[in-house]
Amino acid sequence: MGALMEYPGALSANNTRIRRVIGVADMAVSNSKEDFLITYSLGSCIAVVIFDPVALVGGMLHYMLPESNLDPEKARKNPCMFADTGITHLFKSSYKMGAKKENIVVKTFGGAQTLDPNGVFNIGKRNYLAMRKIFWKNNVAVSAEHIGGDVTRTVRLMMDTGKVIMKVGREAEVEI
């Protein structure tokens, strides 16, 4: 569990929310209204944010590579490192907490070309295409996305409302 952080409008008695930081190759699912899930400095990695407004279950995945067949041993140890294993893990974990596929709102972020300016490896683009292929095969619609470019993004999911707030570089935060 993350550290406590002051946040206006919090639900707890001492006006704090519980911040859960989602690192690279990491994931969290929550049904606590006091939580907010946050991931920082998305570059070529992708954050998949899901929220079921009926069950009030949400989650966030921060994966770094498109396909687990690149390193099956790492995928076994940490499925959140890869799109194919991480996305499956995120959805299945949310179902265990009561979320239903038909209610889930999906938003995606990242896939930038920040460390590869000449596009030699195209990790951001490959990450995005792998995710879209998985969603297409599983009939999952994405309601909003902020993908590509050469910027970093910080993304926050507020568990009490399902709002997703994004900050691009040094710009102001916006609700997506």
N, C-alpha and C. Protein backbone atom coordinates (compact mmCIF):
# COMPACT_ATOMS: atom_id res chain seq x y z
N MET A 1 0.85 -1.18 0.00
CA MET A 1 0.00 0.00 0.00
C MET A 1 0.89 1.24 0.00
N GLY A 2 0.47 2.27 -0.70
CA GLY A 2 1.24 3.50 -0.81
C GLY A 2 1.17 4.35 0.44
N ALA A 3 1.90 5.42 0.42
CA ALA A 3 1.92 6.35 1.55
C ALA A 3 0.66 7.20 1.56
N LEU A 4 0.38 7.80 2.69
CA LEU A 4 -0.75 8.71 2.79
C LEU A 4 -0.39 10.04 2.15
N MET A 5 -1.37 10.63 1.50
CA MET A 5 -1.12 11.90 0.83
C MET A 5 -2.33 12.79 1.01
N GLU A 6 -2.11 14.03 1.35
CA GLU A 6 -3.21 14.98 1.48
C GLU A 6 -3.87 15.18 0.13
N TYR A 7 -5.19 15.18 0.13
CA TYR A 7 -5.92 15.38 -1.11
C TYR A 7 -7.27 15.97 -0.79
N PRO A 8 -7.63 17.11 -1.38
CA PRO A 8 -8.91 17.75 -1.07
C PRO A 8 -10.10 16.84 -1.40
N GLY A 9 -11.11 16.90 -0.59
CA GLY A 9 -12.33 16.15 -0.84
C GLY A 9 -12.23 14.69 -0.46
N ALA A 10 -11.24 14.34 0.32
CA ALA A 10 -11.04 12.95 0.70
C ALA A 10 -12.17 12.45 1.57
N LEU A 11 -12.33 11.14 1.60
CA LEU A 11 -13.43 10.54 2.31
C LEU A 11 -13.09 10.13 3.74
N SER A 12 -11.83 9.98 4.06
CA SER A 12 -11.47 9.52 5.39
C SER A 12 -11.59 10.64 6.41
N ALA A 13 -11.62 10.25 7.66
CA ALA A 13 -11.86 11.20 8.75
C ALA A 13 -10.78 12.29 8.83
N ASN A 14 -9.56 11.95 8.51
CA ASN A 14 -8.48 12.94 8.62
C ASN A 14 -8.15 13.60 7.29
N ASN A 15 -9.10 13.53 6.34
CA ASN A 15 -8.98 14.22 5.05
C ASN A 15 -7.74 13.80 4.25
N THR A 16 -7.45 12.51 4.27
CA THR A 16 -6.35 12.00 3.44
C THR A 16 -6.87 10.87 2.56
N ARG A 17 -6.17 10.66 1.50
CA ARG A 17 -6.43 9.53 0.61
C ARG A 17 -5.21 8.63 0.67
N ILE A 18 -5.40 7.41 0.28
CA ILE A 18 -4.29 6.47 0.25
C ILE A 18 -3.79 6.38 -1.19
N ARG A 19 -2.55 6.78 -1.35
CA ARG A 19 -1.93 6.78 -2.68
C ARG A 19 -1.27 5.43 -2.91
N ARG A 20 -1.65 4.78 -4.01
CA ARG A 20 -1.01 3.52 -4.40
C ARG A 20 -0.23 3.79 -5.67
N VAL A 21 1.07 3.75 -5.57
CA VAL A 21 1.93 4.03 -6.72
C VAL A 21 2.12 2.75 -7.51
N ILE A 22 1.83 2.85 -8.80
CA ILE A 22 2.00 1.73 -9.72
C ILE A 22 3.29 1.98 -10.48
N GLY A 23 4.31 1.18 -10.19
CA GLY A 23 5.60 1.33 -10.85
C GLY A 23 5.62 0.65 -12.20
N VAL A 24 6.77 0.66 -12.84
CA VAL A 24 6.95 -0.01 -14.12
C VAL A 24 6.81 -1.52 -13.89
N ALA A 25 6.08 -2.18 -14.78
CA ALA A 25 5.82 -3.62 -14.68
C ALA A 25 5.08 -3.95 -13.39
N ASP A 26 4.08 -3.14 -13.09
CA ASP A 26 3.35 -3.26 -11.83
C ASP A 26 1.85 -3.07 -12.11
N MET A 27 1.03 -3.44 -11.14
CA MET A 27 -0.41 -3.34 -11.28
C MET A 27 -1.03 -3.29 -9.90
N ALA A 28 -2.20 -2.64 -9.81
CA ALA A 28 -3.01 -2.69 -8.59
C ALA A 28 -4.48 -2.65 -8.98
N VAL A 29 -5.29 -3.32 -8.17
CA VAL A 29 -6.74 -3.29 -8.31
C VAL A 29 -7.28 -2.95 -6.95
N SER A 30 -8.34 -2.12 -6.91
CA SER A 30 -8.87 -1.66 -5.63
C SER A 30 -10.39 -1.52 -5.69
N ASN A 31 -11.00 -1.64 -4.52
CA ASN A 31 -12.41 -1.30 -4.37
C ASN A 31 -12.60 -0.37 -3.18
N SER A 32 -11.52 0.29 -2.77
CA SER A 32 -11.57 1.22 -1.65
C SER A 32 -11.73 2.65 -2.16
N LYS A 33 -12.79 3.32 -1.70
CA LYS A 33 -13.04 4.70 -2.12
C LYS A 33 -11.95 5.66 -1.68
N GLU A 34 -11.17 5.29 -0.67
CA GLU A 34 -10.11 6.17 -0.18
C GLU A 34 -8.84 6.10 -1.02
N ASP A 35 -8.74 5.10 -1.87
CA ASP A 35 -7.53 4.94 -2.68
C ASP A 35 -7.54 5.85 -3.90
N PHE A 36 -6.34 6.18 -4.34
CA PHE A 36 -6.16 6.61 -5.71
C PHE A 36 -4.92 5.92 -6.23
N LEU A 37 -5.01 5.44 -7.45
CA LEU A 37 -3.92 4.73 -8.10
C LEU A 37 -3.20 5.72 -9.01
N ILE A 38 -1.88 5.70 -8.98
CA ILE A 38 -1.13 6.67 -9.77
C ILE A 38 0.12 6.01 -10.34
N THR A 39 0.43 6.37 -11.58
CA THR A 39 1.69 5.97 -12.18
C THR A 39 2.35 7.21 -12.77
N TYR A 40 3.66 7.25 -12.64
CA TYR A 40 4.42 8.44 -13.03
C TYR A 40 5.25 8.19 -14.29
N SER A 41 5.47 9.26 -15.03
CA SER A 41 6.44 9.32 -16.12
C SER A 41 6.34 8.19 -17.14
N LEU A 42 5.13 7.95 -17.63
CA LEU A 42 4.96 6.99 -18.71
C LEU A 42 5.68 7.51 -19.95
N GLY A 43 6.55 6.72 -20.50
CA GLY A 43 7.19 7.05 -21.77
C GLY A 43 6.66 6.08 -22.81
N SER A 44 7.51 5.11 -23.19
CA SER A 44 7.08 4.10 -24.15
C SER A 44 6.18 3.05 -23.50
N CYS A 45 6.21 2.98 -22.18
CA CYS A 45 5.31 2.06 -21.47
C CYS A 45 3.86 2.50 -21.66
N ILE A 46 2.94 1.60 -21.34
CA ILE A 46 1.51 1.92 -21.45
C ILE A 46 0.83 1.67 -20.12
N ALA A 47 -0.05 2.58 -19.74
CA ALA A 47 -0.92 2.38 -18.58
C ALA A 47 -2.31 2.05 -19.10
N VAL A 48 -2.84 0.95 -18.61
CA VAL A 48 -4.22 0.57 -18.89
C VAL A 48 -4.98 0.82 -17.59
N VAL A 49 -5.99 1.68 -17.67
CA VAL A 49 -6.79 2.04 -16.49
C VAL A 49 -8.20 1.52 -16.73
N ILE A 50 -8.72 0.76 -15.74
CA ILE A 50 -10.07 0.24 -15.87
C ILE A 50 -10.88 0.63 -14.64
N PHE A 51 -12.20 0.78 -14.84
CA PHE A 51 -13.08 1.11 -13.71
C PHE A 51 -14.48 0.59 -14.01
N ASP A 52 -15.03 -0.14 -13.06
CA ASP A 52 -16.41 -0.61 -13.14
C ASP A 52 -17.24 0.29 -12.23
N PRO A 53 -18.06 1.19 -12.80
CA PRO A 53 -18.83 2.14 -11.99
C PRO A 53 -19.96 1.49 -11.20
N VAL A 54 -20.33 0.28 -11.53
CA VAL A 54 -21.38 -0.42 -10.78
C VAL A 54 -20.79 -1.09 -9.55
N ALA A 55 -19.72 -1.85 -9.75
CA ALA A 55 -19.07 -2.55 -8.63
C ALA A 55 -18.11 -1.66 -7.86
N LEU A 56 -17.78 -0.48 -8.41
CA LEU A 56 -16.79 0.44 -7.83
C LEU A 56 -15.45 -0.26 -7.62
N VAL A 57 -15.02 -0.95 -8.67
CA VAL A 57 -13.73 -1.63 -8.70
C VAL A 57 -12.93 -1.02 -9.83
N GLY A 58 -11.68 -0.71 -9.55
CA GLY A 58 -10.83 -0.14 -10.59
C GLY A 58 -9.43 -0.70 -10.49
N GLY A 59 -8.68 -0.50 -11.55
CA GLY A 59 -7.32 -0.98 -11.55
C GLY A 59 -6.46 -0.25 -12.55
N MET A 60 -5.16 -0.42 -12.38
CA MET A 60 -4.20 0.20 -13.27
C MET A 60 -3.03 -0.75 -13.48
N LEU A 61 -2.62 -0.88 -14.73
CA LEU A 61 -1.47 -1.67 -15.13
C LEU A 61 -0.49 -0.75 -15.82
N HIS A 62 0.80 -0.90 -15.52
CA HIS A 62 1.87 -0.14 -16.18
C HIS A 62 2.83 -1.18 -16.78
N TYR A 63 2.61 -1.53 -18.05
CA TYR A 63 3.48 -2.54 -18.67
C TYR A 63 4.51 -1.88 -19.56
N MET A 64 5.62 -2.62 -19.79
CA MET A 64 6.73 -2.03 -20.51
C MET A 64 7.06 -2.68 -21.86
N LEU A 65 6.59 -3.90 -22.10
CA LEU A 65 6.93 -4.59 -23.34
C LEU A 65 5.70 -5.26 -23.94
N PRO A 66 5.69 -5.46 -25.26
CA PRO A 66 4.47 -5.95 -25.91
C PRO A 66 4.14 -7.43 -25.68
N GLU A 67 5.11 -8.31 -25.77
CA GLU A 67 4.78 -9.73 -25.80
C GLU A 67 5.66 -10.55 -24.86
N SER A 68 5.02 -11.42 -24.11
CA SER A 68 5.72 -12.23 -23.13
C SER A 68 6.65 -13.26 -23.76
N ASN A 69 6.45 -13.58 -25.04
CA ASN A 69 7.35 -14.56 -25.66
C ASN A 69 8.76 -14.00 -25.84
N LEU A 70 8.95 -12.70 -25.59
CA LEU A 70 10.29 -12.11 -25.61
C LEU A 70 11.14 -12.69 -24.48
N ASP A 71 10.50 -13.01 -23.34
CA ASP A 71 11.20 -13.58 -22.20
C ASP A 71 10.19 -14.32 -21.31
N PRO A 72 9.86 -15.56 -21.67
CA PRO A 72 8.84 -16.31 -20.92
C PRO A 72 9.13 -16.45 -19.43
N GLU A 73 10.39 -16.56 -19.07
CA GLU A 73 10.74 -16.69 -17.65
C GLU A 73 10.39 -15.41 -16.88
N LYS A 74 10.72 -14.25 -17.44
CA LYS A 74 10.34 -12.99 -16.80
C LYS A 74 8.83 -12.84 -16.74
N ALA A 75 8.15 -13.26 -17.78
CA ALA A 75 6.68 -13.18 -17.82
C ALA A 75 6.06 -14.05 -16.74
N ARG A 76 6.65 -15.19 -16.49
CA ARG A 76 6.14 -16.07 -15.44
C ARG A 76 6.31 -15.42 -14.07
N LYS A 77 7.48 -14.80 -13.85
CA LYS A 77 7.77 -14.16 -12.57
C LYS A 77 6.98 -12.86 -12.38
N ASN A 78 6.82 -12.11 -13.47
CA ASN A 78 6.11 -10.83 -13.39
C ASN A 78 5.26 -10.62 -14.65
N PRO A 79 4.02 -11.10 -14.64
CA PRO A 79 3.17 -10.95 -15.82
C PRO A 79 2.88 -9.49 -16.18
N CYS A 80 3.04 -8.58 -15.22
CA CYS A 80 2.73 -7.17 -15.47
C CYS A 80 3.77 -6.47 -16.34
N MET A 81 4.84 -7.14 -16.64
CA MET A 81 5.87 -6.56 -17.49
C MET A 81 5.43 -6.47 -18.95
N PHE A 82 4.51 -7.36 -19.37
CA PHE A 82 4.16 -7.50 -20.77
C PHE A 82 2.67 -7.22 -21.01
N ALA A 83 2.35 -6.74 -22.20
CA ALA A 83 0.96 -6.43 -22.55
C ALA A 83 0.08 -7.66 -22.47
N ASP A 84 0.48 -8.74 -23.12
CA ASP A 84 -0.40 -9.91 -23.22
C ASP A 84 -0.69 -10.55 -21.87
N THR A 85 0.30 -10.70 -21.02
CA THR A 85 0.06 -11.31 -19.72
C THR A 85 -0.46 -10.30 -18.70
N GLY A 86 -0.01 -9.06 -18.79
CA GLY A 86 -0.42 -8.03 -17.82
C GLY A 86 -1.88 -7.63 -17.96
N ILE A 87 -2.34 -7.44 -19.18
CA ILE A 87 -3.74 -7.03 -19.39
C ILE A 87 -4.68 -8.13 -18.90
N THR A 88 -4.34 -9.37 -19.22
CA THR A 88 -5.15 -10.50 -18.74
C THR A 88 -5.18 -10.51 -17.22
N HIS A 89 -4.03 -10.32 -16.59
CA HIS A 89 -3.94 -10.32 -15.13
C HIS A 89 -4.78 -9.18 -14.52
N LEU A 90 -4.73 -8.00 -15.13
CA LEU A 90 -5.51 -6.85 -14.66
C LEU A 90 -7.00 -7.15 -14.68
N PHE A 91 -7.51 -7.61 -15.80
CA PHE A 91 -8.94 -7.88 -15.92
C PHE A 91 -9.38 -9.01 -14.98
N LYS A 92 -8.64 -10.09 -14.93
CA LYS A 92 -9.01 -11.22 -14.06
C LYS A 92 -9.00 -10.80 -12.59
N SER A 93 -8.04 -9.97 -12.21
CA SER A 93 -7.98 -9.49 -10.82
C SER A 93 -9.19 -8.62 -10.49
N SER A 94 -9.62 -7.81 -11.46
CA SER A 94 -10.80 -6.95 -11.21
C SER A 94 -12.07 -7.81 -11.12
N TYR A 95 -12.15 -8.88 -11.91
CA TYR A 95 -13.32 -9.76 -11.84
C TYR A 95 -13.41 -10.42 -10.47
N LYS A 96 -12.27 -10.78 -9.89
CA LYS A 96 -12.25 -11.40 -8.56
C LYS A 96 -12.80 -10.45 -7.49
N MET A 97 -12.74 -9.14 -7.77
CA MET A 97 -13.25 -8.15 -6.81
C MET A 97 -14.67 -7.73 -7.14
N GLY A 98 -15.29 -8.34 -8.16
CA GLY A 98 -16.68 -8.08 -8.46
C GLY A 98 -16.95 -7.29 -9.73
N ALA A 99 -15.91 -6.85 -10.42
CA ALA A 99 -16.13 -6.11 -11.68
C ALA A 99 -16.68 -7.06 -12.74
N LYS A 100 -17.44 -6.49 -13.66
CA LYS A 100 -18.01 -7.26 -14.77
C LYS A 100 -17.53 -6.62 -16.07
N LYS A 101 -17.14 -7.47 -17.01
CA LYS A 101 -16.59 -6.99 -18.28
C LYS A 101 -17.50 -5.98 -18.96
N GLU A 102 -18.80 -6.24 -18.95
CA GLU A 102 -19.73 -5.36 -19.66
C GLU A 102 -19.85 -3.97 -19.03
N ASN A 103 -19.40 -3.80 -17.80
CA ASN A 103 -19.48 -2.50 -17.12
C ASN A 103 -18.16 -1.72 -17.15
N ILE A 104 -17.08 -2.39 -17.46
CA ILE A 104 -15.75 -1.78 -17.32
C ILE A 104 -15.52 -0.69 -18.37
N VAL A 105 -15.05 0.45 -17.89
CA VAL A 105 -14.62 1.56 -18.73
C VAL A 105 -13.10 1.48 -18.81
N VAL A 106 -12.56 1.52 -20.03
CA VAL A 106 -11.13 1.35 -20.25
C VAL A 106 -10.55 2.64 -20.83
N LYS A 107 -9.43 3.07 -20.25
CA LYS A 107 -8.71 4.24 -20.76
C LYS A 107 -7.23 3.87 -20.81
N THR A 108 -6.53 4.35 -21.84
CA THR A 108 -5.12 3.97 -22.03
C THR A 108 -4.25 5.20 -22.28
N PHE A 109 -3.00 5.08 -21.83
CA PHE A 109 -2.07 6.22 -21.87
C PHE A 109 -0.65 5.73 -22.13
N GLY A 110 0.16 6.56 -22.76
CA GLY A 110 1.58 6.26 -22.94
C GLY A 110 1.92 5.96 -24.37
N GLY A 111 2.83 4.99 -24.56
CA GLY A 111 3.24 4.59 -25.89
C GLY A 111 4.03 5.64 -26.63
N ALA A 112 4.74 6.50 -25.90
CA ALA A 112 5.51 7.58 -26.52
C ALA A 112 6.83 7.05 -27.07
N GLN A 113 7.47 7.88 -27.82
CA GLN A 113 8.78 7.57 -28.36
C GLN A 113 9.78 8.52 -27.70
N THR A 114 10.06 8.26 -26.42
CA THR A 114 10.88 9.19 -25.65
C THR A 114 12.37 8.82 -25.63
N LEU A 115 12.69 7.55 -25.56
CA LEU A 115 14.10 7.14 -25.47
C LEU A 115 14.65 6.62 -26.79
N ASP A 116 13.84 6.68 -27.82
CA ASP A 116 14.19 6.13 -29.13
C ASP A 116 13.80 7.15 -30.21
N PRO A 117 14.46 8.32 -30.22
CA PRO A 117 14.01 9.40 -31.11
C PRO A 117 14.02 9.04 -32.60
N ASN A 118 14.85 8.10 -33.01
CA ASN A 118 14.91 7.72 -34.42
C ASN A 118 13.97 6.58 -34.77
N GLY A 119 13.24 6.08 -33.79
CA GLY A 119 12.27 5.01 -34.05
C GLY A 119 12.89 3.68 -34.41
N VAL A 120 14.09 3.40 -33.90
CA VAL A 120 14.77 2.15 -34.22
C VAL A 120 14.01 0.95 -33.65
N PHE A 121 13.60 1.06 -32.40
CA PHE A 121 12.93 -0.06 -31.74
C PHE A 121 11.41 0.08 -31.72
N ASN A 122 10.92 1.30 -31.76
CA ASN A 122 9.48 1.56 -31.77
C ASN A 122 8.72 0.84 -30.65
N ILE A 123 9.28 0.83 -29.44
CA ILE A 123 8.66 0.11 -28.33
C ILE A 123 7.28 0.70 -28.01
N GLY A 124 7.14 2.02 -27.98
CA GLY A 124 5.85 2.63 -27.69
C GLY A 124 4.79 2.20 -28.68
N LYS A 125 5.12 2.23 -29.95
CA LYS A 125 4.17 1.83 -30.99
C LYS A 125 3.86 0.34 -30.90
N ARG A 126 4.88 -0.48 -30.66
CA ARG A 126 4.67 -1.92 -30.52
C ARG A 126 3.81 -2.24 -29.29
N ASN A 127 4.05 -1.51 -28.20
CA ASN A 127 3.23 -1.69 -26.99
C ASN A 127 1.77 -1.38 -27.29
N TYR A 128 1.55 -0.29 -27.99
CA TYR A 128 0.18 0.12 -28.32
C TYR A 128 -0.51 -0.90 -29.23
N LEU A 129 0.18 -1.34 -30.26
CA LEU A 129 -0.42 -2.30 -31.20
C LEU A 129 -0.73 -3.63 -30.51
N ALA A 130 0.13 -4.06 -29.61
CA ALA A 130 -0.12 -5.31 -28.87
C ALA A 130 -1.38 -5.17 -28.02
N MET A 131 -1.51 -4.03 -27.35
CA MET A 131 -2.69 -3.79 -26.51
C MET A 131 -3.96 -3.77 -27.36
N ARG A 132 -3.95 -3.04 -28.46
CA ARG A 132 -5.14 -2.95 -29.31
C ARG A 132 -5.53 -4.32 -29.86
N LYS A 133 -4.55 -5.13 -30.20
CA LYS A 133 -4.82 -6.48 -30.70
C LYS A 133 -5.52 -7.32 -29.62
N ILE A 134 -5.04 -7.24 -28.40
CA ILE A 134 -5.66 -7.97 -27.29
C ILE A 134 -7.09 -7.50 -27.08
N PHE A 135 -7.29 -6.19 -27.07
CA PHE A 135 -8.64 -5.65 -26.87
C PHE A 135 -9.56 -6.05 -28.02
N TRP A 136 -9.07 -6.01 -29.24
CA TRP A 136 -9.88 -6.38 -30.40
C TRP A 136 -10.31 -7.85 -30.30
N LYS A 137 -9.36 -8.73 -29.97
CA LYS A 137 -9.67 -10.16 -29.86
C LYS A 137 -10.68 -10.45 -28.75
N ASN A 138 -10.69 -9.62 -27.72
CA ASN A 138 -11.56 -9.85 -26.56
C ASN A 138 -12.77 -8.94 -26.53
N ASN A 139 -12.99 -8.22 -27.63
CA ASN A 139 -14.16 -7.34 -27.75
C ASN A 139 -14.23 -6.31 -26.61
N VAL A 140 -13.11 -5.65 -26.37
CA VAL A 140 -13.01 -4.62 -25.32
C VAL A 140 -12.88 -3.27 -26.01
N ALA A 141 -13.79 -2.35 -25.69
CA ALA A 141 -13.74 -1.00 -26.26
C ALA A 141 -12.95 -0.07 -25.34
N VAL A 142 -12.19 0.82 -25.93
CA VAL A 142 -11.44 1.83 -25.18
C VAL A 142 -12.24 3.12 -25.28
N SER A 143 -12.59 3.70 -24.12
CA SER A 143 -13.42 4.91 -24.14
C SER A 143 -12.60 6.18 -24.30
N ALA A 144 -11.31 6.13 -23.93
CA ALA A 144 -10.45 7.31 -24.09
C ALA A 144 -9.00 6.85 -24.09
N GLU A 145 -8.18 7.58 -24.83
CA GLU A 145 -6.75 7.28 -24.82
C GLU A 145 -5.96 8.54 -25.10
N HIS A 146 -4.73 8.54 -24.62
CA HIS A 146 -3.77 9.61 -24.89
C HIS A 146 -2.46 8.88 -25.15
N ILE A 147 -2.16 8.66 -26.42
CA ILE A 147 -1.10 7.75 -26.84
C ILE A 147 -0.14 8.45 -27.79
N GLY A 148 1.13 8.02 -27.73
CA GLY A 148 2.13 8.44 -28.72
C GLY A 148 2.81 9.75 -28.38
N GLY A 149 3.38 10.34 -29.40
CA GLY A 149 4.13 11.58 -29.24
C GLY A 149 5.49 11.31 -28.63
N ASP A 150 6.06 12.36 -28.04
CA ASP A 150 7.38 12.22 -27.41
C ASP A 150 7.36 12.84 -26.02
N VAL A 151 6.23 12.69 -25.33
CA VAL A 151 6.04 13.28 -24.01
C VAL A 151 5.89 12.20 -22.95
N THR A 152 6.11 12.59 -21.71
CA THR A 152 5.83 11.68 -20.59
C THR A 152 4.48 12.05 -19.99
N ARG A 153 3.86 11.08 -19.38
CA ARG A 153 2.53 11.29 -18.79
C ARG A 153 2.49 10.69 -17.38
N THR A 154 1.78 11.36 -16.50
CA THR A 154 1.44 10.84 -15.18
C THR A 154 -0.07 10.68 -15.16
N VAL A 155 -0.54 9.53 -14.67
CA VAL A 155 -1.96 9.22 -14.71
C VAL A 155 -2.43 8.80 -13.32
N ARG A 156 -3.61 9.30 -12.94
CA ARG A 156 -4.19 9.00 -11.62
C ARG A 156 -5.64 8.56 -11.78
N LEU A 157 -6.03 7.49 -11.10
CA LEU A 157 -7.41 7.01 -11.06
C LEU A 157 -7.96 7.24 -9.65
N MET A 158 -9.03 8.02 -9.56
CA MET A 158 -9.68 8.29 -8.28
C MET A 158 -10.74 7.21 -8.05
N MET A 159 -10.56 6.40 -7.02
CA MET A 159 -11.42 5.25 -6.81
C MET A 159 -12.83 5.62 -6.34
N ASP A 160 -13.02 6.77 -5.75
CA ASP A 160 -14.37 7.14 -5.29
C ASP A 160 -15.27 7.56 -6.44
N THR A 161 -14.69 8.06 -7.52
CA THR A 161 -15.49 8.58 -8.64
C THR A 161 -15.22 7.88 -9.97
N GLY A 162 -14.08 7.22 -10.09
CA GLY A 162 -13.68 6.63 -11.37
C GLY A 162 -13.04 7.65 -12.30
N LYS A 163 -12.87 8.88 -11.84
CA LYS A 163 -12.23 9.90 -12.69
C LYS A 163 -10.77 9.55 -12.93
N VAL A 164 -10.33 9.81 -14.16
CA VAL A 164 -8.93 9.61 -14.52
C VAL A 164 -8.35 10.99 -14.85
N ILE A 165 -7.26 11.31 -14.18
CA ILE A 165 -6.62 12.61 -14.33
C ILE A 165 -5.22 12.39 -14.89
N MET A 166 -4.88 13.15 -15.92
CA MET A 166 -3.60 12.99 -16.59
C MET A 166 -2.84 14.30 -16.58
N LYS A 167 -1.52 14.17 -16.46
CA LYS A 167 -0.63 15.33 -16.57
C LYS A 167 0.41 14.97 -17.62
N VAL A 168 0.55 15.84 -18.62
CA VAL A 168 1.54 15.63 -19.68
C VAL A 168 2.69 16.60 -19.43
N GLY A 169 3.87 16.03 -19.25
CA GLY A 169 5.05 16.87 -19.00
C GLY A 169 4.80 17.87 -17.89
N ARG A 170 4.98 19.15 -18.19
CA ARG A 170 4.79 20.21 -17.20
C ARG A 170 3.44 20.92 -17.36
N GLU A 171 2.59 20.39 -18.22
CA GLU A 171 1.29 21.00 -18.44
C GLU A 171 0.37 20.79 -17.25
N ALA A 172 -0.75 21.50 -17.24
CA ALA A 172 -1.74 21.33 -16.17
C ALA A 172 -2.42 19.99 -16.28
N GLU A 173 -2.91 19.49 -15.14
CA GLU A 173 -3.66 18.24 -15.13
C GLU A 173 -4.99 18.40 -15.86
N VAL A 174 -5.44 17.33 -16.53
CA VAL A 174 -6.74 17.33 -17.20
C VAL A 174 -7.44 16.01 -16.89
N GLU A 175 -8.76 16.09 -16.83
CA GLU A 175 -9.54 14.87 -16.65
C GLU A 175 -9.79 14.25 -18.01
N ILE A 176 -9.55 12.97 -18.10
CA ILE A 176 -9.74 12.24 -19.36
C ILE A 176 -10.93 11.31 -19.21
